C-alpha atoms as a PDB file:
ATOM      1  CA  MET A   1      95.285 169.753 104.707  1.00  0.00           C
ATOM      2  CA  THR A   2      96.772 166.316 105.388  1.00  0.00           C
ATOM      3  CA  ILE A   3      97.368 164.835 108.823  1.00  0.00           C
ATOM      4  CA  THR A   4     101.116 165.277 108.402  1.00  0.00           C
ATOM      5  CA  GLU A   5     100.769 168.961 107.522  1.00  0.00           C
ATOM      6  CA  ARG A   6      98.419 169.494 110.422  1.00  0.00           C
ATOM      7  CA  LEU A   7     100.771 167.814 112.883  1.00  0.00           C
ATOM      8  CA  ARG A   8     103.778 169.774 111.621  1.00  0.00           C
ATOM      9  CA  ARG A   9     102.000 172.995 112.613  1.00  0.00           C
ATOM     10  CA  MET A  10     101.274 171.795 116.143  1.00  0.00           C
ATOM     11  CA  GLN A  11     103.307 172.657 119.208  1.00  0.00           C
ATOM     12  CA  ASP A  12     105.451 169.973 120.822  1.00  0.00           C
ATOM     13  CA  GLU A  13     103.243 169.805 123.928  1.00  0.00           C
ATOM     14  CA  ASP A  14     100.145 169.114 121.838  1.00  0.00           C
ATOM     15  CA  LEU A  15     101.935 166.383 119.911  1.00  0.00           C
ATOM     16  CA  VAL A  16     103.011 164.727 123.162  1.00  0.00           C
ATOM     17  CA  ARG A  17      99.459 164.911 124.469  1.00  0.00           C
ATOM     18  CA  ILE A  18      98.202 163.179 121.329  1.00  0.00           C
ATOM     19  CA  ALA A  19     101.032 160.620 121.261  1.00  0.00           C
ATOM     20  CA  ARG A  20     100.389 159.649 124.886  1.00  0.00           C
ATOM     21  CA  SER A  21      96.609 159.588 124.566  1.00  0.00           C
ATOM     22  CA  ARG A  22      94.389 156.584 125.176  1.00  0.00           C
ATOM     23  CA  GLU A  23      91.505 155.286 123.100  1.00  0.00           C
ATOM     24  CA  SER A  24      89.075 156.994 125.473  1.00  0.00           C
ATOM     25  CA  ASP A  25      90.611 160.383 124.550  1.00  0.00           C
ATOM     26  CA  GLY A  26      89.001 160.102 121.119  1.00  0.00           C
ATOM     27  CA  PHE A  27      92.007 160.266 118.789  1.00  0.00           C
ATOM     28  CA  GLU A  28      92.142 157.922 115.810  1.00  0.00           C
ATOM     29  CA  PRO A  29      95.003 155.392 116.047  1.00  0.00           C
ATOM     30  CA  GLU A  30      96.442 156.663 112.742  1.00  0.00           C
ATOM     31  CA  PHE A  31      96.542 160.189 114.150  1.00  0.00           C
ATOM     32  CA  VAL A  32      98.326 158.997 117.303  1.00  0.00           C
ATOM     33  CA  ASP A  33     100.871 157.080 115.215  1.00  0.00           C
ATOM     34  CA  ALA A  34     101.442 160.112 112.996  1.00  0.00           C
ATOM     35  CA  ALA A  35     102.030 162.277 116.100  1.00  0.00           C
ATOM     36  CA  LYS A  36     104.674 159.822 117.303  1.00  0.00           C
ATOM     37  CA  VAL A  37     106.369 159.933 113.886  1.00  0.00           C
ATOM     38  CA  GLU A  38     106.339 163.750 113.954  1.00  0.00           C
ATOM     39  CA  LEU A  39     107.921 163.779 117.419  1.00  0.00           C
ATOM     40  CA  ARG A  40     110.712 161.508 116.190  1.00  0.00           C
ATOM     41  CA  ARG A  41     111.149 163.711 113.118  1.00  0.00           C
ATOM     42  CA  ARG A  42     111.646 166.696 115.453  1.00  0.00           C
ATOM     43  CA  GLY A  43     114.217 164.722 117.409  1.00  0.00           C
ATOM     44  CA  LEU A  44     112.118 164.574 120.557  1.00  0.00           C
ATOM     45  CA  GLU A  45     112.410 161.292 122.401  1.00  0.00           C
ATOM     46  CA  GLY A  46     112.961 159.953 125.888  1.00  0.00           C
ATOM     47  CA  GLU A  47     113.652 162.614 128.511  1.00  0.00           C
ATOM     48  CA  ALA A  48     112.539 165.517 126.311  1.00  0.00           C
ATOM     49  CA  ILE A  49     109.153 163.852 125.811  1.00  0.00           C
ATOM     50  CA  GLY A  50     108.894 163.299 129.577  1.00  0.00           C
ATOM     51  CA  GLU A  51     109.412 167.003 130.220  1.00  0.00           C
ATOM     52  CA  LEU A  52     106.906 167.949 127.534  1.00  0.00           C
ATOM     53  CA  ALA A  53     104.425 165.432 128.941  1.00  0.00           C
ATOM     54  CA  ALA A  54     104.742 167.049 132.377  1.00  0.00           C
ATOM     55  CA  GLN A  55     104.109 170.466 130.828  1.00  0.00           C
ATOM     56  CA  ALA A  56     101.134 169.092 128.898  1.00  0.00           C
ATOM     57  CA  GLU A  57      99.693 167.593 132.091  1.00  0.00           C
ATOM     58  CA  GLN A  58     100.096 170.912 133.911  1.00  0.00           C
ATOM     59  CA  LEU A  59      98.371 172.707 131.048  1.00  0.00           C
ATOM     60  CA  ALA A  60      95.526 170.171 131.023  1.00  0.00           C
ATOM     61  CA  ALA A  61      95.087 170.539 134.804  1.00  0.00           C
ATOM     62  CA  TYR A  62      95.015 174.339 134.455  1.00  0.00           C
ATOM     63  CA  GLU A  63      92.451 174.159 131.644  1.00  0.00           C
ATOM     64  CA  LYS A  64      90.287 171.778 133.703  1.00  0.00           C
ATOM     65  CA  ALA A  65      90.489 174.115 136.694  1.00  0.00           C
ATOM     66  CA  GLN A  66      89.420 177.034 134.500  1.00  0.00           C
ATOM     67  CA  LEU A  67      86.313 175.129 133.427  1.00  0.00           C
ATOM     68  CA  ASP A  68      85.231 174.857 137.038  1.00  0.00           C
ATOM     69  CA  ALA A  69      86.337 178.318 138.170  1.00  0.00           C
ATOM     70  CA  PRO A  70      83.581 180.295 139.925  1.00  0.00           C
ATOM     71  CA  LEU A  71      82.829 183.977 139.505  1.00  0.00           C
ATOM     72  CA  ASN A  72      84.903 186.080 141.891  1.00  0.00           C
ATOM     73  CA  TRP A  73      83.188 188.357 144.400  1.00  0.00           C
ATOM     74  CA  PRO A  74      83.694 191.627 142.516  1.00  0.00           C
ATOM     75  CA  ALA A  75      82.032 190.032 139.483  1.00  0.00           C
ATOM     76  CA  ARG A  76      79.156 188.752 141.635  1.00  0.00           C
ATOM     77  CA  ILE A  77      78.571 192.225 143.053  1.00  0.00           C
ATOM     78  CA  ALA A  78      78.723 193.746 139.566  1.00  0.00           C
ATOM     79  CA  PHE A  79      76.139 191.217 138.368  1.00  0.00           C
ATOM     80  CA  LEU A  80      73.937 191.942 141.364  1.00  0.00           C
ATOM     81  CA  LEU A  81      73.959 195.643 140.510  1.00  0.00           C
ATOM     82  CA  PHE A  82      73.934 195.501 136.693  1.00  0.00           C
ATOM     83  CA  GLY A  83      73.322 191.882 135.703  1.00  0.00           C
ATOM     84  CA  PHE A  84      69.794 192.420 134.432  1.00  0.00           C
ATOM     85  CA  THR A  85      71.089 194.792 131.758  1.00  0.00           C
ATOM     86  CA  THR A  86      71.872 193.766 128.199  1.00  0.00           C
ATOM     87  CA  ILE A  87      75.601 194.027 128.878  1.00  0.00           C
ATOM     88  CA  GLY A  88      75.314 191.653 131.834  1.00  0.00           C
ATOM     89  CA  ILE A  89      73.421 189.071 129.789  1.00  0.00           C
ATOM     90  CA  ILE A  90      75.897 189.356 126.896  1.00  0.00           C
ATOM     91  CA  PHE A  91      78.773 188.840 129.339  1.00  0.00           C
ATOM     92  CA  ALA A  92      77.090 185.733 130.760  1.00  0.00           C
ATOM     93  CA  ILE A  93      76.633 184.295 127.267  1.00  0.00           C
ATOM     94  CA  ALA A  94      80.221 185.180 126.339  1.00  0.00           C
ATOM     95  CA  GLN A  95      81.543 183.232 129.328  1.00  0.00           C
ATOM     96  CA  ARG A  96      79.916 180.074 127.958  1.00  0.00           C
ATOM     97  CA  HIS A  97      81.471 180.633 124.526  1.00  0.00           C
ATOM     98  CA  LEU A  98      84.890 181.321 126.057  1.00  0.00           C
ATOM     99  CA  GLY A  99      84.799 177.904 127.724  1.00  0.00           C
ATOM    100  CA  TYR A 100      83.747 178.837 131.255  1.00  0.00           C
ATOM    101  CA  PRO A 101      80.453 177.009 131.843  1.00  0.00           C
ATOM    102  CA  ARG A 102      80.400 177.509 135.617  1.00  0.00           C
ATOM    103  CA  LYS A 103      81.076 181.239 135.345  1.00  0.00           C
ATOM    104  CA  SER A 104      78.323 181.505 132.739  1.00  0.00           C
ATOM    105  CA  PHE A 105      75.827 179.669 134.941  1.00  0.00           C
ATOM    106  CA  GLU A 106      76.696 181.792 137.976  1.00  0.00           C
ATOM    107  CA  ALA A 107      76.473 184.963 135.891  1.00  0.00           C
ATOM    108  CA  PHE A 108      72.909 184.049 134.876  1.00  0.00           C
ATOM    109  CA  VAL A 109      72.019 183.257 138.513  1.00  0.00           C
ATOM    110  CA  TRP A 110      73.370 186.617 139.682  1.00  0.00           C
ATOM    111  CA  SER A 111      71.543 188.339 136.797  1.00  0.00           C
ATOM    112  CA  ALA A 112      68.281 186.820 138.005  1.00  0.00           C
ATOM    113  CA  ALA A 113      69.144 187.909 141.551  1.00  0.00           C
ATOM    114  CA  SER A 114      69.806 191.377 140.166  1.00  0.00           C
ATOM    115  CA  LEU A 115      66.344 191.581 138.698  1.00  0.00           C
ATOM    116  CA  GLY A 116      64.840 190.520 142.027  1.00  0.00           C
ATOM    117  CA  PHE A 117      67.072 192.947 143.937  1.00  0.00           C
ATOM    118  CA  TRP A 118      65.964 195.925 141.851  1.00  0.00           C
ATOM    119  CA  LEU A 119      62.292 194.873 141.955  1.00  0.00           C
ATOM    120  CA  VAL A 120      62.408 194.765 145.766  1.00  0.00           C
ATOM    121  CA  ILE A 121      63.996 198.222 145.842  1.00  0.00           C
ATOM    122  CA  ALA A 122      61.371 199.572 143.424  1.00  0.00           C
ATOM    123  CA  VAL A 123      58.492 198.130 145.497  1.00  0.00           C
ATOM    124  CA  PHE A 124      60.046 199.504 148.690  1.00  0.00           C
ATOM    125  CA  LEU A 125      60.382 202.984 147.138  1.00  0.00           C
ATOM    126  CA  LEU A 126      56.812 202.881 145.830  1.00  0.00           C
ATOM    127  CA  LEU A 127      55.484 201.873 149.233  1.00  0.00           C
ATOM    128  CA  ALA A 128      57.590 204.543 150.953  1.00  0.00           C
ATOM    129  CA  ASP A 129      56.276 207.153 148.520  1.00  0.00           C
ATOM    130  CA  ALA A 130      52.677 206.020 148.992  1.00  0.00           C
ATOM    131  CA  THR A 131      52.875 206.177 152.794  1.00  0.00           C
ATOM    132  CA  ALA A 132      54.679 209.552 152.746  1.00  0.00           C
ATOM    133  CA  GLY A 133      52.255 211.184 150.356  1.00  0.00           C
END
């Protein structure tokens, strides 16, 4: 697939993001130039590009916020109760693959806490049984 074909399949917001990128963003200059040509071909210039750029910035800010989003309290409690199970570990791994590194890290921490929580309960029950019997 050529660059032109690839760019023609992209959404306007993505093209604007590429066209307005800097060298530090990692796009090849030829790719940036081709994105600008595609925007002109679609008839998007001036004010329309400004609106799309604002939307692209909002989307980028949302995506960045998602990367740093913590686990919510119901999820933390669920991991405390069931995190040591296979399903809990698979969920923690899945969070990393879905693009949520902080949630994945916290899920593993709560899974470890879960193991400790259930070990303390087991020791307590064993001691209670030994003293009662």
